[in-house]
Amino acid sequence: MDNQQIQVDGIIAEGNSKWDAANFKLTFAVRDRETAATVNVIYKDRLKPDNFTDGGSVFVEGKYDAAQNLIVASKLMTKCASKYEGAESATPTNETSYISQ
């Protein structure tokens, strides 16, 4: 699965996100919603989303490097908790997790 384009939907892991404003580089980890598995993410050359917060929901798409357990993200979308609160629990989903342990 090395250098494959993948999509991950999960939670922004608490306490490890770093924003380098001078270089437009955001690094963080995404935690699987059901397990403790995480994958590291680098999102660069773009602005940090305004509602990016530790513990928030995130969708990441990019190239996965299995040797480094790292996604170089080309797309990053965050979800506003207040906007999606009842809708997520009421709507069944077919989400697939690609985070390895």
PDB file of N, CA and C in Angstrom:
ATOM      1  N   MET A   1       0.826  -1.186   0.000  1.00  0.00           N
ATOM      2  CA  MET A   1       0.000   0.000   0.000  1.00  0.00           C
ATOM      3  C   MET A   1       0.873   1.254   0.000  1.00  0.00           C
ATOM      4  N   ASP A   2       2.154   1.113  -0.236  1.00  0.00           N
ATOM      5  CA  ASP A   2       3.071   2.245  -0.224  1.00  0.00           C
ATOM      6  C   ASP A   2       2.826   3.172  -1.412  1.00  0.00           C
ATOM      7  N   ASN A   3       2.770   4.464  -1.140  1.00  0.00           N
ATOM      8  CA  ASN A   3       2.545   5.519  -2.131  1.00  0.00           C
ATOM      9  C   ASN A   3       1.228   5.375  -2.876  1.00  0.00           C
ATOM     10  N   GLN A   4       0.255   4.745  -2.239  1.00  0.00           N
ATOM     11  CA  GLN A   4      -1.087   4.637  -2.791  1.00  0.00           C
ATOM     12  C   GLN A   4      -1.893   5.858  -2.386  1.00  0.00           C
ATOM     13  N   GLN A   5      -2.812   6.271  -3.226  1.00  0.00           N
ATOM     14  CA  GLN A   5      -3.740   7.345  -2.890  1.00  0.00           C
ATOM     15  C   GLN A   5      -4.798   6.740  -1.968  1.00  0.00           C
ATOM     16  N   ILE A   6      -4.973   7.296  -0.771  1.00  0.00           N
ATOM     17  CA  ILE A   6      -5.965   6.775   0.169  1.00  0.00           C
ATOM     18  C   ILE A   6      -6.794   7.911   0.748  1.00  0.00           C
ATOM     19  N   GLN A   7      -7.902   7.526   1.369  1.00  0.00           N
ATOM     20  CA  GLN A   7      -8.784   8.454   2.069  1.00  0.00           C
ATOM     21  C   GLN A   7      -8.967   7.940   3.486  1.00  0.00           C
ATOM     22  N   VAL A   8      -8.889   8.839   4.446  1.00  0.00           N
ATOM     23  CA  VAL A   8      -9.045   8.477   5.854  1.00  0.00           C
ATOM     24  C   VAL A   8     -10.028   9.443   6.495  1.00  0.00           C
ATOM     25  N   ASP A   9     -10.961   8.903   7.243  1.00  0.00           N
ATOM     26  CA  ASP A   9     -11.931   9.688   7.998  1.00  0.00           C
ATOM     27  C   ASP A   9     -11.724   9.330   9.458  1.00  0.00           C
ATOM     28  N   GLY A  10     -11.427  10.307  10.300  1.00  0.00           N
ATOM     29  CA  GLY A  10     -11.168  10.000  11.701  1.00  0.00           C
ATOM     30  C   GLY A  10     -11.201  11.228  12.582  1.00  0.00           C
ATOM     31  N   ILE A  11     -10.487  11.139  13.703  1.00  0.00           N
ATOM     32  CA  ILE A  11     -10.440  12.194  14.714  1.00  0.00           C
ATOM     33  C   ILE A  11      -9.019  12.752  14.772  1.00  0.00           C
ATOM     34  N   ILE A  12      -8.888  14.065  14.874  1.00  0.00           N
ATOM     35  CA  ILE A  12      -7.574  14.694  15.025  1.00  0.00           C
ATOM     36  C   ILE A  12      -7.058  14.340  16.418  1.00  0.00           C
ATOM     37  N   ALA A  13      -5.944  13.610  16.477  1.00  0.00           N
ATOM     38  CA  ALA A  13      -5.384  13.161  17.755  1.00  0.00           C
ATOM     39  C   ALA A  13      -5.004  14.362  18.620  1.00  0.00           C
ATOM     40  N   GLU A  14      -5.277  14.247  19.895  1.00  0.00           N
ATOM     41  CA  GLU A  14      -5.018  15.325  20.851  1.00  0.00           C
ATOM     42  C   GLU A  14      -3.526  15.556  21.067  1.00  0.00           C
ATOM     43  N   GLY A  15      -3.117  16.814  21.073  1.00  0.00           N
ATOM     44  CA  GLY A  15      -1.792  17.199  21.539  1.00  0.00           C
ATOM     45  C   GLY A  15      -0.614  17.057  20.612  1.00  0.00           C
ATOM     46  N   ASN A  16      -0.826  16.741  19.330  1.00  0.00           N
ATOM     47  CA  ASN A  16       0.361  16.641  18.487  1.00  0.00           C
ATOM     48  C   ASN A  16       0.282  17.443  17.195  1.00  0.00           C
ATOM     49  N   SER A  17      -0.759  18.253  17.023  1.00  0.00           N
ATOM     50  CA  SER A  17      -0.839  19.055  15.800  1.00  0.00           C
ATOM     51  C   SER A  17       0.072  20.277  15.908  1.00  0.00           C
ATOM     52  N   LYS A  18       0.740  20.570  14.790  1.00  0.00           N
ATOM     53  CA  LYS A  18       1.657  21.715  14.733  1.00  0.00           C
ATOM     54  C   LYS A  18       1.416  22.476  13.440  1.00  0.00           C
ATOM     55  N   TRP A  19       1.260  23.790  13.533  1.00  0.00           N
ATOM     56  CA  TRP A  19       1.052  24.655  12.382  1.00  0.00           C
ATOM     57  C   TRP A  19       2.262  25.557  12.220  1.00  0.00           C
ATOM     58  N   ASP A  20       2.944  25.440  11.093  1.00  0.00           N
ATOM     59  CA  ASP A  20       4.090  26.279  10.742  1.00  0.00           C
ATOM     60  C   ASP A  20       3.586  27.303   9.728  1.00  0.00           C
ATOM     61  N   ALA A  21       3.149  28.465  10.218  1.00  0.00           N
ATOM     62  CA  ALA A  21       2.542  29.486   9.364  1.00  0.00           C
ATOM     63  C   ALA A  21       3.513  30.038   8.330  1.00  0.00           C
ATOM     64  N   ALA A  22       4.783  30.144   8.678  1.00  0.00           N
ATOM     65  CA  ALA A  22       5.776  30.691   7.748  1.00  0.00           C
ATOM     66  C   ALA A  22       5.949  29.803   6.520  1.00  0.00           C
ATOM     67  N   ASN A  23       5.786  28.490   6.700  1.00  0.00           N
ATOM     68  CA  ASN A  23       5.979  27.544   5.596  1.00  0.00           C
ATOM     69  C   ASN A  23       4.682  26.884   5.126  1.00  0.00           C
ATOM     70  N   PHE A  24       3.547  27.357   5.647  1.00  0.00           N
ATOM     71  CA  PHE A  24       2.241  26.781   5.303  1.00  0.00           C
ATOM     72  C   PHE A  24       2.267  25.256   5.419  1.00  0.00           C
ATOM     73  N   LYS A  25       2.635  24.769   6.606  1.00  0.00           N
ATOM     74  CA  LYS A  25       2.769  23.325   6.824  1.00  0.00           C
ATOM     75  C   LYS A  25       2.057  22.931   8.120  1.00  0.00           C
ATOM     76  N   LEU A  26       1.114  22.021   7.991  1.00  0.00           N
ATOM     77  CA  LEU A  26       0.359  21.506   9.128  1.00  0.00           C
ATOM     78  C   LEU A  26       0.695  20.026   9.294  1.00  0.00           C
ATOM     79  N   THR A  27       1.131  19.642  10.484  1.00  0.00           N
ATOM     80  CA  THR A  27       1.395  18.233  10.783  1.00  0.00           C
ATOM     81  C   THR A  27       0.509  17.820  11.956  1.00  0.00           C
ATOM     82  N   PHE A  28      -0.030  16.614  11.874  1.00  0.00           N
ATOM     83  CA  PHE A  28      -0.915  16.112  12.923  1.00  0.00           C
ATOM     84  C   PHE A  28      -1.088  14.610  12.738  1.00  0.00           C
ATOM     85  N   ALA A  29      -1.811  13.990  13.639  1.00  0.00           N
ATOM     86  CA  ALA A  29      -2.133  12.566  13.534  1.00  0.00           C
ATOM     87  C   ALA A  29      -3.645  12.402  13.514  1.00  0.00           C
ATOM     88  N   VAL A  30      -4.099  11.420  12.751  1.00  0.00           N
ATOM     89  CA  VAL A  30      -5.518  11.081  12.700  1.00  0.00           C
ATOM     90  C   VAL A  30      -5.692   9.752  13.419  1.00  0.00           C
ATOM     91  N   ARG A  31      -6.646   9.733  14.345  1.00  0.00           N
ATOM     92  CA  ARG A  31      -6.950   8.526  15.119  1.00  0.00           C
ATOM     93  C   ARG A  31      -8.208   7.872  14.559  1.00  0.00           C
ATOM     94  N   ASP A  32      -8.161   6.558  14.437  1.00  0.00           N
ATOM     95  CA  ASP A  32      -9.324   5.791  14.006  1.00  0.00           C
ATOM     96  C   ASP A  32     -10.456   6.004  15.011  1.00  0.00           C
ATOM     97  N   ARG A  33     -11.681   6.058  14.531  1.00  0.00           N
ATOM     98  CA  ARG A  33     -12.838   6.310  15.407  1.00  0.00           C
ATOM     99  C   ARG A  33     -13.119   5.149  16.367  1.00  0.00           C
ATOM    100  N   GLU A  34     -12.701   3.936  16.017  1.00  0.00           N
ATOM    101  CA  GLU A  34     -13.041   2.773  16.835  1.00  0.00           C
ATOM    102  C   GLU A  34     -11.858   2.145  17.553  1.00  0.00           C
ATOM    103  N   THR A  35     -10.642   2.452  17.132  1.00  0.00           N
ATOM    104  CA  THR A  35      -9.455   1.862  17.752  1.00  0.00           C
ATOM    105  C   THR A  35      -8.485   2.977  18.132  1.00  0.00           C
ATOM    106  N   ALA A  36      -7.385   2.609  18.707  1.00  0.00           N
ATOM    107  CA  ALA A  36      -6.363   3.601  19.063  1.00  0.00           C
ATOM    108  C   ALA A  36      -5.358   3.811  17.930  1.00  0.00           C
ATOM    109  N   ALA A  37      -5.563   3.157  16.782  1.00  0.00           N
ATOM    110  CA  ALA A  37      -4.629   3.267  15.655  1.00  0.00           C
ATOM    111  C   ALA A  37      -4.575   4.700  15.135  1.00  0.00           C
ATOM    112  N   THR A  38      -3.369   5.147  14.790  1.00  0.00           N
ATOM    113  CA  THR A  38      -3.194   6.494  14.246  1.00  0.00           C
ATOM    114  C   THR A  38      -2.326   6.456  12.993  1.00  0.00           C
ATOM    115  N   VAL A  39      -2.434   7.504  12.202  1.00  0.00           N
ATOM    116  CA  VAL A  39      -1.572   7.717  11.047  1.00  0.00           C
ATOM    117  C   VAL A  39      -1.169   9.193  11.067  1.00  0.00           C
ATOM    118  N   ASN A  40       0.095   9.466  10.777  1.00  0.00           N
ATOM    119  CA  ASN A  40       0.591  10.841  10.741  1.00  0.00           C
ATOM    120  C   ASN A  40       0.247  11.480   9.407  1.00  0.00           C
ATOM    121  N   VAL A  41       0.044  12.801   9.435  1.00  0.00           N
ATOM    122  CA  VAL A  41      -0.352  13.539   8.237  1.00  0.00           C
ATOM    123  C   VAL A  41       0.489  14.801   8.114  1.00  0.00           C
ATOM    124  N   ILE A  42       0.900  15.096   6.882  1.00  0.00           N
ATOM    125  CA  ILE A  42       1.510  16.388   6.547  1.00  0.00           C
ATOM    126  C   ILE A  42       0.626  17.024   5.484  1.00  0.00           C
ATOM    127  N   TYR A  43       0.220  18.250   5.728  1.00  0.00           N
ATOM    128  CA  TYR A  43      -0.601  19.023   4.791  1.00  0.00           C
ATOM    129  C   TYR A  43       0.140  20.323   4.576  1.00  0.00           C
ATOM    130  N   LYS A  44       0.659  20.540   3.357  1.00  0.00           N
ATOM    131  CA  LYS A  44       1.515  21.707   3.155  1.00  0.00           C
ATOM    132  C   LYS A  44       1.111  22.514   1.931  1.00  0.00           C
ATOM    133  N   ASP A  45       1.652  23.723   1.895  1.00  0.00           N
ATOM    134  CA  ASP A  45       1.415  24.679   0.814  1.00  0.00           C
ATOM    135  C   ASP A  45      -0.029  25.147   0.734  1.00  0.00           C
ATOM    136  N   ARG A  46      -0.744  25.042   1.845  1.00  0.00           N
ATOM    137  CA  ARG A  46      -2.125  25.510   1.921  1.00  0.00           C
ATOM    138  C   ARG A  46      -2.371  26.088   3.314  1.00  0.00           C
ATOM    139  N   LEU A  47      -3.442  26.850   3.437  1.00  0.00           N
ATOM    140  CA  LEU A  47      -3.793  27.425   4.734  1.00  0.00           C
ATOM    141  C   LEU A  47      -4.405  26.363   5.645  1.00  0.00           C
ATOM    142  N   LYS A  48      -4.209  26.544   6.933  1.00  0.00           N
ATOM    143  CA  LYS A  48      -4.829  25.677   7.938  1.00  0.00           C
ATOM    144  C   LYS A  48      -6.320  26.023   7.997  1.00  0.00           C
ATOM    145  N   PRO A  49      -7.210  25.030   7.943  1.00  0.00           N
ATOM    146  CA  PRO A  49      -8.644  25.316   8.056  1.00  0.00           C
ATOM    147  C   PRO A  49      -8.965  26.015   9.383  1.00  0.00           C
ATOM    148  N   ASP A  50      -9.871  26.980   9.351  1.00  0.00           N
ATOM    149  CA  ASP A  50     -10.236  27.741  10.547  1.00  0.00           C
ATOM    150  C   ASP A  50     -10.758  26.858  11.671  1.00  0.00           C
ATOM    151  N   ASN A  51     -11.526  25.832  11.345  1.00  0.00           N
ATOM    152  CA  ASN A  51     -12.132  25.001  12.389  1.00  0.00           C
ATOM    153  C   ASN A  51     -11.329  23.728  12.679  1.00  0.00           C
ATOM    154  N   PHE A  52     -10.027  23.731  12.377  1.00  0.00           N
ATOM    155  CA  PHE A  52      -9.147  22.601  12.689  1.00  0.00           C
ATOM    156  C   PHE A  52      -8.815  22.644  14.173  1.00  0.00           C
ATOM    157  N   THR A  53      -9.266  21.639  14.927  1.00  0.00           N
ATOM    158  CA  THR A  53      -8.994  21.585  16.367  1.00  0.00           C
ATOM    159  C   THR A  53      -8.723  20.146  16.794  1.00  0.00           C
ATOM    160  N   ASP A  54      -7.861  19.979  17.781  1.00  0.00           N
ATOM    161  CA  ASP A  54      -7.610  18.658  18.348  1.00  0.00           C
ATOM    162  C   ASP A  54      -8.932  18.054  18.807  1.00  0.00           C
ATOM    163  N   GLY A  55      -9.136  16.794  18.495  1.00  0.00           N
ATOM    164  CA  GLY A  55     -10.362  16.109  18.877  1.00  0.00           C
ATOM    165  C   GLY A  55     -11.488  16.258  17.875  1.00  0.00           C
ATOM    166  N   GLY A  56     -11.295  17.100  16.861  1.00  0.00           N
ATOM    167  CA  GLY A  56     -12.321  17.316  15.847  1.00  0.00           C
ATOM    168  C   GLY A  56     -12.309  16.238  14.773  1.00  0.00           C
ATOM    169  N   SER A  57     -13.389  16.158  14.033  1.00  0.00           N
ATOM    170  CA  SER A  57     -13.493  15.206  12.931  1.00  0.00           C
ATOM    171  C   SER A  57     -12.770  15.743  11.708  1.00  0.00           C
ATOM    172  N   VAL A  58     -12.120  14.827  10.974  1.00  0.00           N
ATOM    173  CA  VAL A  58     -11.345  15.240   9.808  1.00  0.00           C
ATOM    174  C   VAL A  58     -11.408  14.161   8.726  1.00  0.00           C
ATOM    175  N   PHE A  59     -11.372  14.607   7.479  1.00  0.00           N
ATOM    176  CA  PHE A  59     -11.267  13.732   6.315  1.00  0.00           C
ATOM    177  C   PHE A  59      -9.995  14.124   5.587  1.00  0.00           C
ATOM    178  N   VAL A  60      -9.136  13.139   5.309  1.00  0.00           N
ATOM    179  CA  VAL A  60      -7.847  13.386   4.661  1.00  0.00           C
ATOM    180  C   VAL A  60      -7.735  12.497   3.429  1.00  0.00           C
ATOM    181  N   GLU A  61      -7.233  13.073   2.347  1.00  0.00           N
ATOM    182  CA  GLU A  61      -6.949  12.307   1.139  1.00  0.00           C
ATOM    183  C   GLU A  61      -5.531  12.624   0.707  1.00  0.00           C
ATOM    184  N   GLY A  62      -4.765  11.603   0.337  1.00  0.00           N
ATOM    185  CA  GLY A  62      -3.399  11.840  -0.103  1.00  0.00           C
ATOM    186  C   GLY A  62      -2.629  10.560  -0.332  1.00  0.00           C
ATOM    187  N   LYS A  63      -1.323  10.697  -0.517  1.00  0.00           N
ATOM    188  CA  LYS A  63      -0.428   9.557  -0.763  1.00  0.00           C
ATOM    189  C   LYS A  63       0.059   8.999   0.570  1.00  0.00           C
ATOM    190  N   TYR A  64      -0.024   7.675   0.714  1.00  0.00           N
ATOM    191  CA  TYR A  64       0.360   7.006   1.953  1.00  0.00           C
ATOM    192  C   TYR A  64       1.725   6.353   1.811  1.00  0.00           C
ATOM    193  N   ASP A  65       2.619   6.644   2.754  1.00  0.00           N
ATOM    194  CA  ASP A  65       3.940   6.017   2.842  1.00  0.00           C
ATOM    195  C   ASP A  65       3.894   5.065   4.037  1.00  0.00           C
ATOM    196  N   ALA A  66       3.756   3.769   3.768  1.00  0.00           N
ATOM    197  CA  ALA A  66       3.605   2.773   4.835  1.00  0.00           C
ATOM    198  C   ALA A  66       4.833   2.692   5.728  1.00  0.00           C
ATOM    199  N   ALA A  67       6.023   2.856   5.159  1.00  0.00           N
ATOM    200  CA  ALA A  67       7.257   2.759   5.945  1.00  0.00           C
ATOM    201  C   ALA A  67       7.309   3.822   7.037  1.00  0.00           C
ATOM    202  N   GLN A  68       6.745   4.989   6.766  1.00  0.00           N
ATOM    203  CA  GLN A  68       6.748   6.078   7.746  1.00  0.00           C
ATOM    204  C   GLN A  68       5.388   6.268   8.416  1.00  0.00           C
ATOM    205  N   ASN A  69       4.398   5.438   8.040  1.00  0.00           N
ATOM    206  CA  ASN A  69       3.030   5.603   8.536  1.00  0.00           C
ATOM    207  C   ASN A  69       2.592   7.060   8.376  1.00  0.00           C
ATOM    208  N   LEU A  70       2.703   7.568   7.145  1.00  0.00           N
ATOM    209  CA  LEU A  70       2.524   8.989   6.859  1.00  0.00           C
ATOM    210  C   LEU A  70       1.689   9.193   5.609  1.00  0.00           C
ATOM    211  N   ILE A  71       0.728  10.109   5.708  1.00  0.00           N
ATOM    212  CA  ILE A  71      -0.028  10.556   4.542  1.00  0.00           C
ATOM    213  C   ILE A  71       0.430  11.965   4.202  1.00  0.00           C
ATOM    214  N   VAL A  72       0.843  12.175   2.955  1.00  0.00           N
ATOM    215  CA  VAL A  72       1.102  13.524   2.452  1.00  0.00           C
ATOM    216  C   VAL A  72      -0.215  13.941   1.812  1.00  0.00           C
ATOM    217  N   ALA A  73      -0.958  14.793   2.521  1.00  0.00           N
ATOM    218  CA  ALA A  73      -2.335  15.109   2.148  1.00  0.00           C
ATOM    219  C   ALA A  73      -2.417  16.108   1.003  1.00  0.00           C
ATOM    220  N   SER A  74      -3.311  15.813   0.072  1.00  0.00           N
ATOM    221  CA  SER A  74      -3.638  16.748  -0.997  1.00  0.00           C
ATOM    222  C   SER A  74      -4.991  17.396  -0.731  1.00  0.00           C
ATOM    223  N   LYS A  75      -5.786  16.770   0.154  1.00  0.00           N
ATOM    224  CA  LYS A  75      -7.098  17.304   0.513  1.00  0.00           C
ATOM    225  C   LYS A  75      -7.310  17.117   2.008  1.00  0.00           C
ATOM    226  N   LEU A  76      -7.837  18.147   2.650  1.00  0.00           N
ATOM    227  CA  LEU A  76      -8.123  18.109   4.085  1.00  0.00           C
ATOM    228  C   LEU A  76      -9.450  18.811   4.316  1.00  0.00           C
ATOM    229  N   MET A  77     -10.393  18.100   4.913  1.00  0.00           N
ATOM    230  CA  MET A  77     -11.687  18.696   5.235  1.00  0.00           C
ATOM    231  C   MET A  77     -11.991  18.441   6.702  1.00  0.00           C
ATOM    232  N   THR A  78     -12.420  19.477   7.387  1.00  0.00           N
ATOM    233  CA  THR A  78     -12.810  19.345   8.788  1.00  0.00           C
ATOM    234  C   THR A  78     -14.320  19.476   8.890  1.00  0.00           C
ATOM    235  N   LYS A  79     -14.858  18.914   9.962  1.00  0.00           N
ATOM    236  CA  LYS A  79     -16.296  18.986  10.193  1.00  0.00           C
ATOM    237  C   LYS A  79     -16.547  19.811  11.437  1.00  0.00           C
ATOM    238  N   CYS A  80     -17.526  20.660  11.363  1.00  0.00           N
ATOM    239  CA  CYS A  80     -17.932  21.465  12.514  1.00  0.00           C
ATOM    240  C   CYS A  80     -18.840  20.603  13.387  1.00  0.00           C
ATOM    241  N   ALA A  81     -18.437  20.342  14.609  1.00  0.00           N
ATOM    242  CA  ALA A  81     -19.184  19.442  15.502  1.00  0.00           C
ATOM    243  C   ALA A  81     -20.632  19.872  15.686  1.00  0.00           C
ATOM    244  N   SER A  82     -20.885  21.144  15.894  1.00  0.00           N
ATOM    245  CA  SER A  82     -22.246  21.598  16.146  1.00  0.00           C
ATOM    246  C   SER A  82     -23.139  21.403  14.928  1.00  0.00           C
ATOM    247  N   LYS A  83     -22.567  21.471  13.739  1.00  0.00           N
ATOM    248  CA  LYS A  83     -23.333  21.339  12.513  1.00  0.00           C
ATOM    249  C   LYS A  83     -23.703  19.884  12.241  1.00  0.00           C
ATOM    250  N   TYR A  84     -22.837  18.957  12.655  1.00  0.00           N
ATOM    251  CA  TYR A  84     -23.036  17.557  12.321  1.00  0.00           C
ATOM    252  C   TYR A  84     -23.506  16.716  13.504  1.00  0.00           C
ATOM    253  N   GLU A  85     -23.632  17.259  14.685  1.00  0.00           N
ATOM    254  CA  GLU A  85     -24.003  16.505  15.882  1.00  0.00           C
ATOM    255  C   GLU A  85     -25.243  15.700  15.670  1.00  0.00           C
ATOM    256  N   GLY A  86     -26.242  15.536  15.786  1.00  0.00           N
ATOM    257  CA  GLY A  86     -27.358  14.658  15.570  1.00  0.00           C
ATOM    258  C   GLY A  86     -27.372  13.953  14.235  1.00  0.00           C
ATOM    259  N   ALA A  87     -26.905  14.578  13.176  1.00  0.00           N
ATOM    260  CA  ALA A  87     -26.943  13.969  11.851  1.00  0.00           C
ATOM    261  C   ALA A  87     -26.057  12.734  11.768  1.00  0.00           C
ATOM    262  N   GLU A  88     -24.904  12.752  12.378  1.00  0.00           N
ATOM    263  CA  GLU A  88     -24.008  11.603  12.297  1.00  0.00           C
ATOM    264  C   GLU A  88     -24.574  10.400  13.028  1.00  0.00           C
ATOM    265  N   SER A  89     -25.183  10.617  14.180  1.00  0.00           N
ATOM    266  CA  SER A  89     -25.696   9.485  14.936  1.00  0.00           C
ATOM    267  C   SER A  89     -26.991   8.951  14.332  1.00  0.00           C
ATOM    268  N   ALA A  90     -27.723   9.769  13.603  1.00  0.00           N
ATOM    269  CA  ALA A  90     -28.993   9.345  13.042  1.00  0.00           C
ATOM    270  C   ALA A  90     -28.850   8.707  11.663  1.00  0.00           C
ATOM    271  N   THR A  91     -27.744   8.950  10.977  1.00  0.00           N
ATOM    272  CA  THR A  91     -27.568   8.462   9.620  1.00  0.00           C
ATOM    273  C   THR A  91     -26.536   7.347   9.572  1.00  0.00           C
ATOM    274  N   PRO A  92     -26.929   6.150   9.106  1.00  0.00           N
ATOM    275  CA  PRO A  92     -25.936   5.081   8.994  1.00  0.00           C
ATOM    276  C   PRO A  92     -24.934   5.401   7.891  1.00  0.00           C
ATOM    277  N   THR A  93     -23.693   4.966   8.068  1.00  0.00           N
ATOM    278  CA  THR A  93     -22.662   5.220   7.064  1.00  0.00           C
ATOM    279  C   THR A  93     -21.962   3.927   6.698  1.00  0.00           C
ATOM    280  N   ASN A  94     -21.281   3.955   5.583  1.00  0.00           N
ATOM    281  CA  ASN A  94     -20.461   2.830   5.145  1.00  0.00           C
ATOM    282  C   ASN A  94     -19.012   3.262   5.133  1.00  0.00           C
ATOM    283  N   GLU A  95     -18.535   3.840   6.224  1.00  0.00           N
ATOM    284  CA  GLU A  95     -17.168   4.337   6.300  1.00  0.00           C
ATOM    285  C   GLU A  95     -16.186   3.179   6.378  1.00  0.00           C
ATOM    286  N   THR A  96     -15.079   3.335   5.704  1.00  0.00           N
ATOM    287  CA  THR A  96     -14.007   2.351   5.750  1.00  0.00           C
ATOM    288  C   THR A  96     -12.787   3.009   6.344  1.00  0.00           C
ATOM    289  N   SER A  97     -12.182   2.373   7.303  1.00  0.00           N
ATOM    290  CA  SER A  97     -10.978   2.903   7.921  1.00  0.00           C
ATOM    291  C   SER A  97      -9.763   2.258   7.287  1.00  0.00           C
ATOM    292  N   TYR A  98      -8.771   3.070   6.935  1.00  0.00           N
ATOM    293  CA  TYR A  98      -7.551   2.571   6.324  1.00  0.00           C
ATOM    294  C   TYR A  98      -6.360   2.695   7.259  1.00  0.00           C
ATOM    295  N   ILE A  99      -6.582   3.009   8.495  1.00  0.00           N
ATOM    296  CA  ILE A  99      -5.490   3.191   9.441  1.00  0.00           C
ATOM    297  C   ILE A  99      -5.033   1.824   9.923  1.00  0.00           C
ATOM    298  N   SER A 100      -3.741   1.568   9.805  1.00  0.00           N
ATOM    299  CA  SER A 100      -3.200   0.287  10.254  1.00  0.00           C
ATOM    300  C   SER A 100      -2.691   0.406  11.676  1.00  0.00           C
ATOM    301  N   GLN A 101      -2.670  -0.711  12.372  1.00  0.00           N
ATOM    302  CA  GLN A 101      -2.193  -0.698  13.753  1.00  0.00           C
ATOM    303  C   GLN A 101      -0.773  -1.148  13.817  1.00  0.00           C
TER     304      GLN A 101
END
